[in-house]
Amino acid sequence: MDGKKRSDVKPGLEVNVILKKDQRTGKKTQGVVKDLLTNSATHPHGIKVRLEDGQVGRVCEILSSK
């Protein structure tokens, strides 16, 4: 699943995100969702989240629930 619909992304999910600094390269960072930062129902580049380690990025892939 991709992370373009807010209803698919929930705290506790394990996801791959693309951080702002990695947007040009497309490097993915794995982590667990702590907070959802995007308020709209969908976003073409992925829902913005804060991971449990404090990093912020847009969800590109949902891996599994914790």
PDB file of N, CA and C in Angstrom:
ATOM      1  N   MET A   1       0.844  -1.195   0.000  1.00  0.00           N
ATOM      2  CA  MET A   1       0.000   0.000   0.000  1.00  0.00           C
ATOM      3  C   MET A   1       0.878   1.244   0.000  1.00  0.00           C
ATOM      4  N   ASP A   2       0.448   2.225  -0.761  1.00  0.00           N
ATOM      5  CA  ASP A   2       1.150   3.507  -0.692  1.00  0.00           C
ATOM      6  C   ASP A   2       0.503   4.360   0.395  1.00  0.00           C
ATOM      7  N   GLY A   3       1.110   5.449   0.730  1.00  0.00           N
ATOM      8  CA  GLY A   3       0.631   6.259   1.848  1.00  0.00           C
ATOM      9  C   GLY A   3      -0.044   7.532   1.419  1.00  0.00           C
ATOM     10  N   LYS A   4      -0.847   7.478   0.347  1.00  0.00           N
ATOM     11  CA  LYS A   4      -1.463   8.699  -0.169  1.00  0.00           C
ATOM     12  C   LYS A   4      -2.818   9.010   0.447  1.00  0.00           C
ATOM     13  N   LYS A   5      -3.437   8.018   1.118  1.00  0.00           N
ATOM     14  CA  LYS A   5      -4.723   8.246   1.782  1.00  0.00           C
ATOM     15  C   LYS A   5      -4.505   8.274   3.292  1.00  0.00           C
ATOM     16  N   ARG A   6      -4.993   9.349   3.923  1.00  0.00           N
ATOM     17  CA  ARG A   6      -4.795   9.530   5.373  1.00  0.00           C
ATOM     18  C   ARG A   6      -5.448   8.404   6.168  1.00  0.00           C
ATOM     19  N   SER A   7      -6.560   7.866   5.661  1.00  0.00           N
ATOM     20  CA  SER A   7      -7.276   6.809   6.378  1.00  0.00           C
ATOM     21  C   SER A   7      -6.467   5.511   6.454  1.00  0.00           C
ATOM     22  N   ASP A   8      -5.482   5.342   5.566  1.00  0.00           N
ATOM     23  CA  ASP A   8      -4.638   4.136   5.574  1.00  0.00           C
ATOM     24  C   ASP A   8      -3.493   4.224   6.582  1.00  0.00           C
ATOM     25  N   VAL A   9      -3.133   5.440   6.983  1.00  0.00           N
ATOM     26  CA  VAL A   9      -1.965   5.660   7.836  1.00  0.00           C
ATOM     27  C   VAL A   9      -2.413   5.898   9.268  1.00  0.00           C
ATOM     28  N   LYS A  10      -1.898   5.107  10.196  1.00  0.00           N
ATOM     29  CA  LYS A  10      -2.280   5.228  11.604  1.00  0.00           C
ATOM     30  C   LYS A  10      -1.026   5.148  12.477  1.00  0.00           C
ATOM     31  N   PRO A  11      -1.054   5.779  13.661  1.00  0.00           N
ATOM     32  CA  PRO A  11       0.076   5.642  14.585  1.00  0.00           C
ATOM     33  C   PRO A  11       0.327   4.169  14.910  1.00  0.00           C
ATOM     34  N   GLY A  12       1.596   3.783  14.958  1.00  0.00           N
ATOM     35  CA  GLY A  12       1.962   2.407  15.253  1.00  0.00           C
ATOM     36  C   GLY A  12       2.278   1.587  14.019  1.00  0.00           C
ATOM     37  N   LEU A  13       1.936   2.089  12.831  1.00  0.00           N
ATOM     38  CA  LEU A  13       2.243   1.361  11.601  1.00  0.00           C
ATOM     39  C   LEU A  13       3.724   1.485  11.262  1.00  0.00           C
ATOM     40  N   GLU A  14       4.279   0.421  10.720  1.00  0.00           N
ATOM     41  CA  GLU A  14       5.655   0.460  10.228  1.00  0.00           C
ATOM     42  C   GLU A  14       5.610   0.894   8.767  1.00  0.00           C
ATOM     43  N   VAL A  15       6.359   1.945   8.440  1.00  0.00           N
ATOM     44  CA  VAL A  15       6.290   2.540   7.102  1.00  0.00           C
ATOM     45  C   VAL A  15       7.683   2.881   6.579  1.00  0.00           C
ATOM     46  N   ASN A  16       7.754   3.085   5.268  1.00  0.00           N
ATOM     47  CA  ASN A  16       8.906   3.712   4.641  1.00  0.00           C
ATOM     48  C   ASN A  16       8.505   5.136   4.307  1.00  0.00           C
ATOM     49  N   VAL A  17       9.353   6.102   4.644  1.00  0.00           N
ATOM     50  CA  VAL A  17       9.097   7.501   4.322  1.00  0.00           C
ATOM     51  C   VAL A  17      10.269   8.048   3.518  1.00  0.00           C
ATOM     52  N   ILE A  18       9.992   9.135   2.798  1.00  0.00           N
ATOM     53  CA  ILE A  18      11.055   9.882   2.132  1.00  0.00           C
ATOM     54  C   ILE A  18      11.179  11.201   2.880  1.00  0.00           C
ATOM     55  N   LEU A  19      12.344  11.426   3.474  1.00  0.00           N
ATOM     56  CA  LEU A  19      12.602  12.657   4.218  1.00  0.00           C
ATOM     57  C   LEU A  19      12.796  13.808   3.238  1.00  0.00           C
ATOM     58  N   LYS A  20      12.595  15.036   3.701  1.00  0.00           N
ATOM     59  CA  LYS A  20      12.747  16.232   2.861  1.00  0.00           C
ATOM     60  C   LYS A  20      14.124  16.257   2.195  1.00  0.00           C
ATOM     61  N   LYS A  21      15.170  15.959   2.963  1.00  0.00           N
ATOM     62  CA  LYS A  21      16.537  16.008   2.428  1.00  0.00           C
ATOM     63  C   LYS A  21      16.801  14.924   1.391  1.00  0.00           C
ATOM     64  N   ASP A  22      15.967  13.877   1.365  1.00  0.00           N
ATOM     65  CA  ASP A  22      16.163  12.761   0.438  1.00  0.00           C
ATOM     66  C   ASP A  22      15.201  12.783  -0.746  1.00  0.00           C
ATOM     67  N   GLN A  23      14.446  13.880  -0.922  1.00  0.00           N
ATOM     68  CA  GLN A  23      13.458  13.918  -2.002  1.00  0.00           C
ATOM     69  C   GLN A  23      14.104  13.797  -3.378  1.00  0.00           C
ATOM     70  N   ARG A  24      15.274  14.379  -3.568  1.00  0.00           N
ATOM     71  CA  ARG A  24      15.939  14.302  -4.873  1.00  0.00           C
ATOM     72  C   ARG A  24      16.411  12.889  -5.192  1.00  0.00           C
ATOM     73  N   THR A  25      16.919  12.194  -4.185  1.00  0.00           N
ATOM     74  CA  THR A  25      17.464  10.852  -4.415  1.00  0.00           C
ATOM     75  C   THR A  25      16.403   9.771  -4.283  1.00  0.00           C
ATOM     76  N   GLY A  26      15.335  10.037  -3.528  1.00  0.00           N
ATOM     77  CA  GLY A  26      14.290   9.039  -3.315  1.00  0.00           C
ATOM     78  C   GLY A  26      14.663   7.992  -2.277  1.00  0.00           C
ATOM     79  N   LYS A  27      15.705   8.273  -1.478  1.00  0.00           N
ATOM     80  CA  LYS A  27      16.135   7.337  -0.429  1.00  0.00           C
ATOM     81  C   LYS A  27      15.038   7.177   0.611  1.00  0.00           C
ATOM     82  N   LYS A  28      14.720   5.911   0.935  1.00  0.00           N
ATOM     83  CA  LYS A  28      13.647   5.624   1.888  1.00  0.00           C
ATOM     84  C   LYS A  28      14.222   5.399   3.278  1.00  0.00           C
ATOM     85  N   THR A  29      13.460   5.830   4.285  1.00  0.00           N
ATOM     86  CA  THR A  29      13.817   5.637   5.681  1.00  0.00           C
ATOM     87  C   THR A  29      12.681   4.867   6.340  1.00  0.00           C
ATOM     88  N   GLN A  30      13.027   3.797   7.051  1.00  0.00           N
ATOM     89  CA  GLN A  30      12.021   2.964   7.697  1.00  0.00           C
ATOM     90  C   GLN A  30      11.806   3.421   9.129  1.00  0.00           C
ATOM     91  N   GLY A  31      10.554   3.368   9.574  1.00  0.00           N
ATOM     92  CA  GLY A  31      10.259   3.738  10.946  1.00  0.00           C
ATOM     93  C   GLY A  31       8.817   3.446  11.304  1.00  0.00           C
ATOM     94  N   VAL A  32       8.452   3.811  12.530  1.00  0.00           N
ATOM     95  CA  VAL A  32       7.097   3.591  13.046  1.00  0.00           C
ATOM     96  C   VAL A  32       6.430   4.951  13.231  1.00  0.00           C
ATOM     97  N   VAL A  33       5.201   5.082  12.728  1.00  0.00           N
ATOM     98  CA  VAL A  33       4.464   6.349  12.770  1.00  0.00           C
ATOM     99  C   VAL A  33       4.123   6.715  14.216  1.00  0.00           C
ATOM    100  N   LYS A  34       4.448   7.971  14.580  1.00  0.00           N
ATOM    101  CA  LYS A  34       4.063   8.502  15.885  1.00  0.00           C
ATOM    102  C   LYS A  34       2.889   9.462  15.718  1.00  0.00           C
ATOM    103  N   ASP A  35       3.010  10.443  14.798  1.00  0.00           N
ATOM    104  CA  ASP A  35       1.969  11.452  14.575  1.00  0.00           C
ATOM    105  C   ASP A  35       1.721  11.632  13.087  1.00  0.00           C
ATOM    106  N   LEU A  36       0.469  11.944  12.725  1.00  0.00           N
ATOM    107  CA  LEU A  36       0.130  12.336  11.359  1.00  0.00           C
ATOM    108  C   LEU A  36       0.160  13.853  11.286  1.00  0.00           C
ATOM    109  N   LEU A  37       0.857  14.403  10.305  1.00  0.00           N
ATOM    110  CA  LEU A  37       1.007  15.854  10.200  1.00  0.00           C
ATOM    111  C   LEU A  37       0.175  16.452   9.073  1.00  0.00           C
ATOM    112  N   THR A  38      -0.253  15.637   8.102  1.00  0.00           N
ATOM    113  CA  THR A  38      -1.102  16.114   7.018  1.00  0.00           C
ATOM    114  C   THR A  38      -2.557  16.063   7.470  1.00  0.00           C
ATOM    115  N   ASN A  39      -3.289  17.158   7.291  1.00  0.00           N
ATOM    116  CA  ASN A  39      -4.686  17.211   7.706  1.00  0.00           C
ATOM    117  C   ASN A  39      -5.662  16.790   6.613  1.00  0.00           C
ATOM    118  N   SER A  40      -5.285  16.940   5.341  1.00  0.00           N
ATOM    119  CA  SER A  40      -6.208  16.604   4.259  1.00  0.00           C
ATOM    120  C   SER A  40      -6.358  15.088   4.114  1.00  0.00           C
ATOM    121  N   ALA A  41      -7.443  14.659   3.495  1.00  0.00           N
ATOM    122  CA  ALA A  41      -7.756  13.226   3.363  1.00  0.00           C
ATOM    123  C   ALA A  41      -6.765  12.496   2.461  1.00  0.00           C
ATOM    124  N   THR A  42      -6.249  13.187   1.449  1.00  0.00           N
ATOM    125  CA  THR A  42      -5.261  12.582   0.544  1.00  0.00           C
ATOM    126  C   THR A  42      -4.176  13.602   0.237  1.00  0.00           C
ATOM    127  N   HIS A  43      -3.043  13.097  -0.241  1.00  0.00           N
ATOM    128  CA  HIS A  43      -1.959  13.970  -0.705  1.00  0.00           C
ATOM    129  C   HIS A  43      -1.213  13.233  -1.806  1.00  0.00           C
ATOM    130  N   PRO A  44      -0.965  13.882  -2.955  1.00  0.00           N
ATOM    131  CA  PRO A  44      -0.347  13.190  -4.093  1.00  0.00           C
ATOM    132  C   PRO A  44       1.071  12.680  -3.831  1.00  0.00           C
ATOM    133  N   HIS A  45       1.797  13.284  -2.894  1.00  0.00           N
ATOM    134  CA  HIS A  45       3.174  12.855  -2.600  1.00  0.00           C
ATOM    135  C   HIS A  45       3.256  11.978  -1.362  1.00  0.00           C
ATOM    136  N   GLY A  46       2.128  11.714  -0.722  1.00  0.00           N
ATOM    137  CA  GLY A  46       2.124  10.890   0.481  1.00  0.00           C
ATOM    138  C   GLY A  46       1.794  11.717   1.714  1.00  0.00           C
ATOM    139  N   ILE A  47       1.227  11.057   2.711  1.00  0.00           N
ATOM    140  CA  ILE A  47       0.854  11.715   3.961  1.00  0.00           C
ATOM    141  C   ILE A  47       2.118  12.001   4.772  1.00  0.00           C
ATOM    142  N   LYS A  48       2.230  13.228   5.275  1.00  0.00           N
ATOM    143  CA  LYS A  48       3.393  13.602   6.078  1.00  0.00           C
ATOM    144  C   LYS A  48       3.209  13.103   7.507  1.00  0.00           C
ATOM    145  N   VAL A  49       4.235  12.427   8.031  1.00  0.00           N
ATOM    146  CA  VAL A  49       4.171  11.864   9.381  1.00  0.00           C
ATOM    147  C   VAL A  49       5.449  12.164  10.153  1.00  0.00           C
ATOM    148  N   ARG A  50       5.341  12.085  11.482  1.00  0.00           N
ATOM    149  CA  ARG A  50       6.517  12.122  12.352  1.00  0.00           C
ATOM    150  C   ARG A  50       6.730  10.697  12.835  1.00  0.00           C
ATOM    151  N   LEU A  51       7.953  10.203  12.699  1.00  0.00           N
ATOM    152  CA  LEU A  51       8.280   8.864  13.163  1.00  0.00           C
ATOM    153  C   LEU A  51       8.595   8.899  14.656  1.00  0.00           C
ATOM    154  N   GLU A  52       8.644   7.735  15.287  1.00  0.00           N
ATOM    155  CA  GLU A  52       8.909   7.669  16.728  1.00  0.00           C
ATOM    156  C   GLU A  52      10.286   8.212  17.086  1.00  0.00           C
ATOM    157  N   ASP A  53      11.233   8.206  16.134  1.00  0.00           N
ATOM    158  CA  ASP A  53      12.573   8.753  16.411  1.00  0.00           C
ATOM    159  C   ASP A  53      12.650  10.256  16.129  1.00  0.00           C
ATOM    160  N   GLY A  54      11.509  10.872  15.749  1.00  0.00           N
ATOM    161  CA  GLY A  54      11.466  12.319  15.570  1.00  0.00           C
ATOM    162  C   GLY A  54      11.632  12.794  14.142  1.00  0.00           C
ATOM    163  N   GLN A  55      11.998  11.929  13.218  1.00  0.00           N
ATOM    164  CA  GLN A  55      12.174  12.328  11.824  1.00  0.00           C
ATOM    165  C   GLN A  55      10.806  12.559  11.179  1.00  0.00           C
ATOM    166  N   VAL A  56      10.762  13.502  10.215  1.00  0.00           N
ATOM    167  CA  VAL A  56       9.520  13.848   9.527  1.00  0.00           C
ATOM    168  C   VAL A  56       9.694  13.579   8.043  1.00  0.00           C
ATOM    169  N   GLY A  57       8.707  12.890   7.459  1.00  0.00           N
ATOM    170  CA  GLY A  57       8.760  12.612   6.031  1.00  0.00           C
ATOM    171  C   GLY A  57       7.399  12.216   5.508  1.00  0.00           C
ATOM    172  N   ARG A  58       7.336  11.979   4.196  1.00  0.00           N
ATOM    173  CA  ARG A  58       6.091  11.579   3.552  1.00  0.00           C
ATOM    174  C   ARG A  58       6.090  10.076   3.323  1.00  0.00           C
ATOM    175  N   VAL A  59       4.985   9.431   3.672  1.00  0.00           N
ATOM    176  CA  VAL A  59       4.866   7.975   3.554  1.00  0.00           C
ATOM    177  C   VAL A  59       4.853   7.596   2.082  1.00  0.00           C
ATOM    178  N   CYS A  60       5.770   6.700   1.695  1.00  0.00           N
ATOM    179  CA  CYS A  60       5.779   6.186   0.328  1.00  0.00           C
ATOM    180  C   CYS A  60       5.335   4.729   0.289  1.00  0.00           C
ATOM    181  N   GLU A  61       5.364   4.062   1.444  1.00  0.00           N
ATOM    182  CA  GLU A  61       5.011   2.639   1.480  1.00  0.00           C
ATOM    183  C   GLU A  61       4.633   2.242   2.915  1.00  0.00           C
ATOM    184  N   ILE A  62       3.537   1.498   3.041  1.00  0.00           N
ATOM    185  CA  ILE A  62       3.143   0.960   4.346  1.00  0.00           C
ATOM    186  C   ILE A  62       3.603  -0.482   4.406  1.00  0.00           C
ATOM    187  N   LEU A  63       4.437  -0.806   5.395  1.00  0.00           N
ATOM    188  CA  LEU A  63       5.027  -2.144   5.473  1.00  0.00           C
ATOM    189  C   LEU A  63       4.136  -3.097   6.254  1.00  0.00           C
ATOM    190  N   SER A  64       3.820  -2.768   7.504  1.00  0.00           N
ATOM    191  CA  SER A  64       2.965  -3.640   8.310  1.00  0.00           C
ATOM    192  C   SER A  64       2.550  -2.915   9.578  1.00  0.00           C
ATOM    193  N   SER A  65       1.567  -3.473  10.271  1.00  0.00           N
ATOM    194  CA  SER A  65       1.167  -2.910  11.556  1.00  0.00           C
ATOM    195  C   SER A  65       2.056  -3.491  12.634  1.00  0.00           C
ATOM    196  N   LYS A  66       2.243  -2.757  13.705  1.00  0.00           N
ATOM    197  CA  LYS A  66       3.155  -3.172  14.786  1.00  0.00           C
ATOM    198  C   LYS A  66       2.523  -4.219  15.640  1.00  0.00           C
TER     199      LYS A  66
END
